[in-house]
Amino acid sequence: MNKTSNRARAKKTDEMRTEYDFDYSKAKPNRFAGRIASDQTVVLLDPEVSKVFPDSESMNAALRGLIAALPKTNKREARK
């Protein structure tokens, strides 16, 4: 295995590479910020799941059915 020379190590700097420079003039505000209440959780569904549950109402109904089917001890833990 080749060792890195002292000269190559000395060339490294703490500056960010040019390909990582971000042009903030093209940045847009987050259009989703502020839409989520503090008591809500946002999750990302896999594409095959989102085909079955296309909206939040259908997903919530399925999850409520699952919660109702859980044993009572698990229901208490799920509500915490």
PDB file of N, CA and C in Angstrom:
ATOM      1  N   MET A   1       0.837  -1.182   0.000  1.00  0.00           N
ATOM      2  CA  MET A   1       0.000   0.000   0.000  1.00  0.00           C
ATOM      3  C   MET A   1       0.877   1.238   0.000  1.00  0.00           C
ATOM      4  N   ASN A   2       0.575   2.197  -0.866  1.00  0.00           N
ATOM      5  CA  ASN A   2       1.365   3.422  -0.951  1.00  0.00           C
ATOM      6  C   ASN A   2       0.974   4.375   0.151  1.00  0.00           C
ATOM      7  N   LYS A   3       1.983   5.024   0.697  1.00  0.00           N
ATOM      8  CA  LYS A   3       1.726   6.031   1.726  1.00  0.00           C
ATOM      9  C   LYS A   3       1.644   7.400   1.083  1.00  0.00           C
ATOM     10  N   THR A   4       0.824   8.253   1.633  1.00  0.00           N
ATOM     11  CA  THR A   4       0.714   9.612   1.142  1.00  0.00           C
ATOM     12  C   THR A   4       1.926  10.395   1.590  1.00  0.00           C
ATOM     13  N   SER A   5       2.515  11.137   0.686  1.00  0.00           N
ATOM     14  CA  SER A   5       3.709  11.904   1.042  1.00  0.00           C
ATOM     15  C   SER A   5       3.336  13.086   1.929  1.00  0.00           C
ATOM     16  N   ASN A   6       4.320  13.601   2.613  1.00  0.00           N
ATOM     17  CA  ASN A   6       4.096  14.769   3.478  1.00  0.00           C
ATOM     18  C   ASN A   6       3.669  15.969   2.649  1.00  0.00           C
ATOM     19  N   ARG A   7       4.161  16.067   1.416  1.00  0.00           N
ATOM     20  CA  ARG A   7       3.823  17.186   0.543  1.00  0.00           C
ATOM     21  C   ARG A   7       2.335  17.150   0.192  1.00  0.00           C
ATOM     22  N   ALA A   8       1.801  15.958  -0.092  1.00  0.00           N
ATOM     23  CA  ALA A   8       0.379  15.830  -0.430  1.00  0.00           C
ATOM     24  C   ALA A   8      -0.495  16.158   0.770  1.00  0.00           C
ATOM     25  N   ARG A   9      -0.059  15.776   1.934  1.00  0.00           N
ATOM     26  CA  ARG A   9      -0.822  16.104   3.139  1.00  0.00           C
ATOM     27  C   ARG A   9      -0.827  17.602   3.404  1.00  0.00           C
ATOM     28  N   ALA A  10       0.250  18.270   3.128  1.00  0.00           N
ATOM     29  CA  ALA A  10       0.368  19.702   3.395  1.00  0.00           C
ATOM     30  C   ALA A  10      -0.549  20.517   2.489  1.00  0.00           C
ATOM     31  N   LYS A  11      -0.917  19.999   1.312  1.00  0.00           N
ATOM     32  CA  LYS A  11      -1.760  20.733   0.379  1.00  0.00           C
ATOM     33  C   LYS A  11      -3.217  20.790   0.825  1.00  0.00           C
ATOM     34  N   LYS A  12      -3.632  19.884   1.688  1.00  0.00           N
ATOM     35  CA  LYS A  12      -5.026  19.872   2.140  1.00  0.00           C
ATOM     36  C   LYS A  12      -5.316  21.119   2.960  1.00  0.00           C
ATOM     37  N   THR A  13      -6.479  21.704   2.709  1.00  0.00           N
ATOM     38  CA  THR A  13      -6.889  22.883   3.474  1.00  0.00           C
ATOM     39  C   THR A  13      -8.269  22.635   4.058  1.00  0.00           C
ATOM     40  N   ASP A  14      -8.705  23.536   4.880  1.00  0.00           N
ATOM     41  CA  ASP A  14     -10.021  23.435   5.491  1.00  0.00           C
ATOM     42  C   ASP A  14     -11.093  24.106   4.636  1.00  0.00           C
ATOM     43  N   GLU A  15     -10.725  24.616   3.474  1.00  0.00           N
ATOM     44  CA  GLU A  15     -11.688  25.287   2.617  1.00  0.00           C
ATOM     45  C   GLU A  15     -12.570  24.278   1.890  1.00  0.00           C
ATOM     46  N   MET A  16     -13.788  24.711   1.592  1.00  0.00           N
ATOM     47  CA  MET A  16     -14.732  23.860   0.886  1.00  0.00           C
ATOM     48  C   MET A  16     -14.361  23.825  -0.597  1.00  0.00           C
ATOM     49  N   ARG A  17     -14.522  22.675  -1.201  1.00  0.00           N
ATOM     50  CA  ARG A  17     -14.245  22.557  -2.627  1.00  0.00           C
ATOM     51  C   ARG A  17     -15.220  23.407  -3.426  1.00  0.00           C
ATOM     52  N   THR A  18     -14.803  23.821  -4.605  1.00  0.00           N
ATOM     53  CA  THR A  18     -15.651  24.695  -5.426  1.00  0.00           C
ATOM     54  C   THR A  18     -16.932  23.994  -5.857  1.00  0.00           C
ATOM     55  N   GLU A  19     -16.904  22.671  -6.049  1.00  0.00           N
ATOM     56  CA  GLU A  19     -18.119  21.984  -6.471  1.00  0.00           C
ATOM     57  C   GLU A  19     -19.168  21.933  -5.362  1.00  0.00           C
ATOM     58  N   TYR A  20     -18.775  22.268  -4.131  1.00  0.00           N
ATOM     59  CA  TYR A  20     -19.735  22.284  -3.031  1.00  0.00           C
ATOM     60  C   TYR A  20     -20.259  23.690  -2.746  1.00  0.00           C
ATOM     61  N   ASP A  21     -19.795  24.676  -3.487  1.00  0.00           N
ATOM     62  CA  ASP A  21     -20.303  26.028  -3.291  1.00  0.00           C
ATOM     63  C   ASP A  21     -21.780  26.059  -3.649  1.00  0.00           C
ATOM     64  N   PHE A  22     -22.584  26.700  -2.817  1.00  0.00           N
ATOM     65  CA  PHE A  22     -24.021  26.762  -3.037  1.00  0.00           C
ATOM     66  C   PHE A  22     -24.404  28.187  -3.394  1.00  0.00           C
ATOM     67  N   ASP A  23     -25.121  28.340  -4.476  1.00  0.00           N
ATOM     68  CA  ASP A  23     -25.567  29.652  -4.918  1.00  0.00           C
ATOM     69  C   ASP A  23     -26.895  29.971  -4.226  1.00  0.00           C
ATOM     70  N   TYR A  24     -26.839  30.740  -3.145  1.00  0.00           N
ATOM     71  CA  TYR A  24     -28.026  31.042  -2.359  1.00  0.00           C
ATOM     72  C   TYR A  24     -28.981  31.994  -3.084  1.00  0.00           C
ATOM     73  N   SER A  25     -28.531  32.631  -4.163  1.00  0.00           N
ATOM     74  CA  SER A  25     -29.420  33.536  -4.893  1.00  0.00           C
ATOM     75  C   SER A  25     -30.530  32.766  -5.604  1.00  0.00           C
ATOM     76  N   LYS A  26     -30.318  31.461  -5.848  1.00  0.00           N
ATOM     77  CA  LYS A  26     -31.324  30.638  -6.508  1.00  0.00           C
ATOM     78  C   LYS A  26     -32.191  29.859  -5.513  1.00  0.00           C
ATOM     79  N   ALA A  27     -31.933  30.025  -4.218  1.00  0.00           N
ATOM     80  CA  ALA A  27     -32.672  29.286  -3.196  1.00  0.00           C
ATOM     81  C   ALA A  27     -34.104  29.803  -3.086  1.00  0.00           C
ATOM     82  N   LYS A  28     -35.005  28.890  -2.773  1.00  0.00           N
ATOM     83  CA  LYS A  28     -36.410  29.234  -2.588  1.00  0.00           C
ATOM     84  C   LYS A  28     -36.815  28.889  -1.165  1.00  0.00           C
ATOM     85  N   PRO A  29     -37.757  29.615  -0.600  1.00  0.00           N
ATOM     86  CA  PRO A  29     -38.208  29.266   0.749  1.00  0.00           C
ATOM     87  C   PRO A  29     -38.919  27.921   0.746  1.00  0.00           C
ATOM     88  N   ASN A  30     -38.877  27.238   1.869  1.00  0.00           N
ATOM     89  CA  ASN A  30     -39.534  25.937   2.004  1.00  0.00           C
ATOM     90  C   ASN A  30     -41.036  26.154   2.012  1.00  0.00           C
ATOM     91  N   ARG A  31     -41.713  25.682   0.966  1.00  0.00           N
ATOM     92  CA  ARG A  31     -43.149  25.909   0.851  1.00  0.00           C
ATOM     93  C   ARG A  31     -43.955  25.060   1.827  1.00  0.00           C
ATOM     94  N   PHE A  32     -43.319  24.066   2.442  1.00  0.00           N
ATOM     95  CA  PHE A  32     -44.019  23.203   3.384  1.00  0.00           C
ATOM     96  C   PHE A  32     -43.816  23.646   4.838  1.00  0.00           C
ATOM     97  N   ALA A  33     -42.914  24.549   5.065  1.00  0.00           N
ATOM     98  CA  ALA A  33     -42.655  25.023   6.425  1.00  0.00           C
ATOM     99  C   ALA A  33     -43.893  25.732   6.951  1.00  0.00           C
ATOM    100  N   GLY A  34     -44.241  25.464   8.163  1.00  0.00           N
ATOM    101  CA  GLY A  34     -45.385  26.109   8.783  1.00  0.00           C
ATOM    102  C   GLY A  34     -46.696  25.373   8.577  1.00  0.00           C
ATOM    103  N   ARG A  35     -46.733  24.387   7.698  1.00  0.00           N
ATOM    104  CA  ARG A  35     -47.974  23.638   7.468  1.00  0.00           C
ATOM    105  C   ARG A  35     -48.170  22.527   8.484  1.00  0.00           C
ATOM    106  N   ILE A  36     -47.125  22.135   9.154  1.00  0.00           N
ATOM    107  CA  ILE A  36     -47.179  20.990  10.053  1.00  0.00           C
ATOM    108  C   ILE A  36     -47.323  21.490  11.487  1.00  0.00           C
ATOM    109  N   ALA A  37     -48.374  21.037  12.164  1.00  0.00           N
ATOM    110  CA  ALA A  37     -48.581  21.407  13.564  1.00  0.00           C
ATOM    111  C   ALA A  37     -47.545  20.705  14.431  1.00  0.00           C
ATOM    112  N   SER A  38     -47.290  21.248  15.595  1.00  0.00           N
ATOM    113  CA  SER A  38     -46.258  20.695  16.468  1.00  0.00           C
ATOM    114  C   SER A  38     -46.613  19.299  16.981  1.00  0.00           C
ATOM    115  N   ASP A  39     -47.891  18.931  16.981  1.00  0.00           N
ATOM    116  CA  ASP A  39     -48.289  17.614  17.470  1.00  0.00           C
ATOM    117  C   ASP A  39     -48.421  16.591  16.342  1.00  0.00           C
ATOM    118  N   GLN A  40     -48.018  16.936  15.130  1.00  0.00           N
ATOM    119  CA  GLN A  40     -48.096  16.025  13.994  1.00  0.00           C
ATOM    120  C   GLN A  40     -46.718  15.494  13.647  1.00  0.00           C
ATOM    121  N   THR A  41     -46.708  14.307  13.029  1.00  0.00           N
ATOM    122  CA  THR A  41     -45.475  13.701  12.565  1.00  0.00           C
ATOM    123  C   THR A  41     -45.591  13.467  11.065  1.00  0.00           C
ATOM    124  N   VAL A  42     -44.557  13.806  10.342  1.00  0.00           N
ATOM    125  CA  VAL A  42     -44.543  13.604   8.899  1.00  0.00           C
ATOM    126  C   VAL A  42     -43.700  12.375   8.596  1.00  0.00           C
ATOM    127  N   VAL A  43     -44.234  11.492   7.761  1.00  0.00           N
ATOM    128  CA  VAL A  43     -43.500  10.292   7.358  1.00  0.00           C
ATOM    129  C   VAL A  43     -43.494  10.198   5.840  1.00  0.00           C
ATOM    130  N   LEU A  44     -42.500   9.530   5.318  1.00  0.00           N
ATOM    131  CA  LEU A  44     -42.391   9.329   3.885  1.00  0.00           C
ATOM    132  C   LEU A  44     -42.770   7.896   3.580  1.00  0.00           C
ATOM    133  N   LEU A  45     -43.793   7.718   2.729  1.00  0.00           N
ATOM    134  CA  LEU A  45     -44.257   6.385   2.368  1.00  0.00           C
ATOM    135  C   LEU A  45     -43.526   5.891   1.126  1.00  0.00           C
ATOM    136  N   ASP A  46     -43.273   4.599   1.080  1.00  0.00           N
ATOM    137  CA  ASP A  46     -42.710   4.000  -0.119  1.00  0.00           C
ATOM    138  C   ASP A  46     -43.744   4.081  -1.241  1.00  0.00           C
ATOM    139  N   PRO A  47     -43.295   4.133  -2.490  1.00  0.00           N
ATOM    140  CA  PRO A  47     -44.240   4.283  -3.614  1.00  0.00           C
ATOM    141  C   PRO A  47     -45.343   3.235  -3.644  1.00  0.00           C
ATOM    142  N   GLU A  48     -45.026   1.969  -3.343  1.00  0.00           N
ATOM    143  CA  GLU A  48     -46.068   0.938  -3.390  1.00  0.00           C
ATOM    144  C   GLU A  48     -47.095   1.119  -2.284  1.00  0.00           C
ATOM    145  N   VAL A  49     -46.687   1.691  -1.167  1.00  0.00           N
ATOM    146  CA  VAL A  49     -47.634   1.959  -0.077  1.00  0.00           C
ATOM    147  C   VAL A  49     -48.505   3.160  -0.432  1.00  0.00           C
ATOM    148  N   SER A  50     -47.910   4.183  -1.021  1.00  0.00           N
ATOM    149  CA  SER A  50     -48.688   5.379  -1.366  1.00  0.00           C
ATOM    150  C   SER A  50     -49.705   5.114  -2.478  1.00  0.00           C
ATOM    151  N   LYS A  51     -49.503   4.057  -3.261  1.00  0.00           N
ATOM    152  CA  LYS A  51     -50.512   3.697  -4.270  1.00  0.00           C
ATOM    153  C   LYS A  51     -51.768   3.147  -3.599  1.00  0.00           C
ATOM    154  N   VAL A  52     -51.586   2.445  -2.481  1.00  0.00           N
ATOM    155  CA  VAL A  52     -52.717   1.870  -1.752  1.00  0.00           C
ATOM    156  C   VAL A  52     -53.392   2.931  -0.888  1.00  0.00           C
ATOM    157  N   PHE A  53     -52.608   3.832  -0.301  1.00  0.00           N
ATOM    158  CA  PHE A  53     -53.113   4.892   0.575  1.00  0.00           C
ATOM    159  C   PHE A  53     -52.762   6.250  -0.043  1.00  0.00           C
ATOM    160  N   PRO A  54     -53.574   6.746  -0.954  1.00  0.00           N
ATOM    161  CA  PRO A  54     -53.220   7.969  -1.682  1.00  0.00           C
ATOM    162  C   PRO A  54     -53.373   9.265  -0.883  1.00  0.00           C
ATOM    163  N   ASP A  55     -54.058   9.211   0.265  1.00  0.00           N
ATOM    164  CA  ASP A  55     -54.235  10.432   1.049  1.00  0.00           C
ATOM    165  C   ASP A  55     -54.119  10.122   2.540  1.00  0.00           C
ATOM    166  N   SER A  56     -54.035  11.168   3.334  1.00  0.00           N
ATOM    167  CA  SER A  56     -53.840  10.986   4.773  1.00  0.00           C
ATOM    168  C   SER A  56     -55.050  10.337   5.440  1.00  0.00           C
ATOM    169  N   GLU A  57     -56.255  10.607   4.925  1.00  0.00           N
ATOM    170  CA  GLU A  57     -57.460  10.031   5.542  1.00  0.00           C
ATOM    171  C   GLU A  57     -57.449   8.503   5.458  1.00  0.00           C
ATOM    172  N   SER A  58     -57.106   7.959   4.288  1.00  0.00           N
ATOM    173  CA  SER A  58     -57.096   6.500   4.136  1.00  0.00           C
ATOM    174  C   SER A  58     -55.973   5.868   4.957  1.00  0.00           C
ATOM    175  N   MET A  59     -54.840   6.540   5.029  1.00  0.00           N
ATOM    176  CA  MET A  59     -53.727   6.017   5.826  1.00  0.00           C
ATOM    177  C   MET A  59     -54.084   6.046   7.310  1.00  0.00           C
ATOM    178  N   ASN A  60     -54.671   7.140   7.774  1.00  0.00           N
ATOM    179  CA  ASN A  60     -55.063   7.240   9.181  1.00  0.00           C
ATOM    180  C   ASN A  60     -56.118   6.201   9.539  1.00  0.00           C
ATOM    181  N   ALA A  61     -57.067   5.947   8.646  1.00  0.00           N
ATOM    182  CA  ALA A  61     -58.102   4.941   8.902  1.00  0.00           C
ATOM    183  C   ALA A  61     -57.474   3.552   9.043  1.00  0.00           C
ATOM    184  N   ALA A  62     -56.510   3.233   8.185  1.00  0.00           N
ATOM    185  CA  ALA A  62     -55.842   1.932   8.259  1.00  0.00           C
ATOM    186  C   ALA A  62     -55.035   1.809   9.551  1.00  0.00           C
ATOM    187  N   LEU A  63     -54.352   2.867   9.934  1.00  0.00           N
ATOM    188  CA  LEU A  63     -53.566   2.828  11.170  1.00  0.00           C
ATOM    189  C   LEU A  63     -54.467   2.742  12.404  1.00  0.00           C
ATOM    190  N   ARG A  64     -55.597   3.441  12.376  1.00  0.00           N
ATOM    191  CA  ARG A  64     -56.532   3.341  13.508  1.00  0.00           C
ATOM    192  C   ARG A  64     -57.082   1.923  13.632  1.00  0.00           C
ATOM    193  N   GLY A  65     -57.350   1.280  12.496  1.00  0.00           N
ATOM    194  CA  GLY A  65     -57.794  -0.113  12.519  1.00  0.00           C
ATOM    195  C   GLY A  65     -56.731  -1.026  13.094  1.00  0.00           C
ATOM    196  N   LEU A  66     -55.489  -0.769  12.749  1.00  0.00           N
ATOM    197  CA  LEU A  66     -54.379  -1.558  13.296  1.00  0.00           C
ATOM    198  C   LEU A  66     -54.243  -1.343  14.799  1.00  0.00           C
ATOM    199  N   ILE A  67     -54.377  -0.095  15.227  1.00  0.00           N
ATOM    200  CA  ILE A  67     -54.303   0.213  16.666  1.00  0.00           C
ATOM    201  C   ILE A  67     -55.435  -0.474  17.417  1.00  0.00           C
ATOM    202  N   ALA A  68     -56.637  -0.489  16.839  1.00  0.00           N
ATOM    203  CA  ALA A  68     -57.781  -1.138  17.492  1.00  0.00           C
ATOM    204  C   ALA A  68     -57.569  -2.639  17.625  1.00  0.00           C
ATOM    205  N   ALA A  69     -56.809  -3.229  16.710  1.00  0.00           N
ATOM    206  CA  ALA A  69     -56.564  -4.668  16.748  1.00  0.00           C
ATOM    207  C   ALA A  69     -55.450  -5.058  17.718  1.00  0.00           C
ATOM    208  N   LEU A  70     -54.685  -4.093  18.188  1.00  0.00           N
ATOM    209  CA  LEU A  70     -53.590  -4.392  19.119  1.00  0.00           C
ATOM    210  C   LEU A  70     -54.139  -4.783  20.492  1.00  0.00           C
ATOM    211  N   PRO A  71     -53.408  -5.619  21.222  1.00  0.00           N
ATOM    212  CA  PRO A  71     -53.807  -5.907  22.609  1.00  0.00           C
ATOM    213  C   PRO A  71     -53.787  -4.630  23.447  1.00  0.00           C
ATOM    214  N   LYS A  72     -54.562  -4.614  24.523  1.00  0.00           N
ATOM    215  CA  LYS A  72     -54.690  -3.404  25.344  1.00  0.00           C
ATOM    216  C   LYS A  72     -53.352  -2.893  25.856  1.00  0.00           C
ATOM    217  N   THR A  73     -52.427  -3.760  26.228  1.00  0.00           N
ATOM    218  CA  THR A  73     -51.131  -3.298  26.741  1.00  0.00           C
ATOM    219  C   THR A  73     -50.375  -2.536  25.661  1.00  0.00           C
ATOM    220  N   ASN A  74     -50.446  -2.960  24.417  1.00  0.00           N
ATOM    221  CA  ASN A  74     -49.764  -2.265  23.335  1.00  0.00           C
ATOM    222  C   ASN A  74     -50.460  -0.963  22.968  1.00  0.00           C
ATOM    223  N   LYS A  75     -51.777  -0.891  23.180  1.00  0.00           N
ATOM    224  CA  LYS A  75     -52.502   0.340  22.884  1.00  0.00           C
ATOM    225  C   LYS A  75     -52.035   1.455  23.796  1.00  0.00           C
ATOM    226  N   ARG A  76     -51.799   1.145  25.061  1.00  0.00           N
ATOM    227  CA  ARG A  76     -51.331   2.165  26.002  1.00  0.00           C
ATOM    228  C   ARG A  76     -49.967   2.670  25.577  1.00  0.00           C
ATOM    229  N   GLU A  77     -49.092   1.776  25.155  1.00  0.00           N
ATOM    230  CA  GLU A  77     -47.759   2.179  24.728  1.00  0.00           C
ATOM    231  C   GLU A  77     -47.815   2.979  23.443  1.00  0.00           C
ATOM    232  N   ALA A  78     -48.739   2.658  22.549  1.00  0.00           N
ATOM    233  CA  ALA A  78     -48.847   3.369  21.268  1.00  0.00           C
ATOM    234  C   ALA A  78     -49.336   4.806  21.468  1.00  0.00           C
ATOM    235  N   ARG A  79     -50.098   5.048  22.514  1.00  0.00           N
ATOM    236  CA  ARG A  79     -50.647   6.385  22.747  1.00  0.00           C
ATOM    237  C   ARG A  79     -49.640   7.323  23.416  1.00  0.00           C
ATOM    238  N   LYS A  80     -48.583   6.803  23.984  1.00  0.00           N
ATOM    239  CA  LYS A  80     -47.597   7.651  24.688  1.00  0.00           C
ATOM    240  C   LYS A  80     -46.851   8.534  23.753  1.00  0.00           C
TER     241      LYS A  80
END
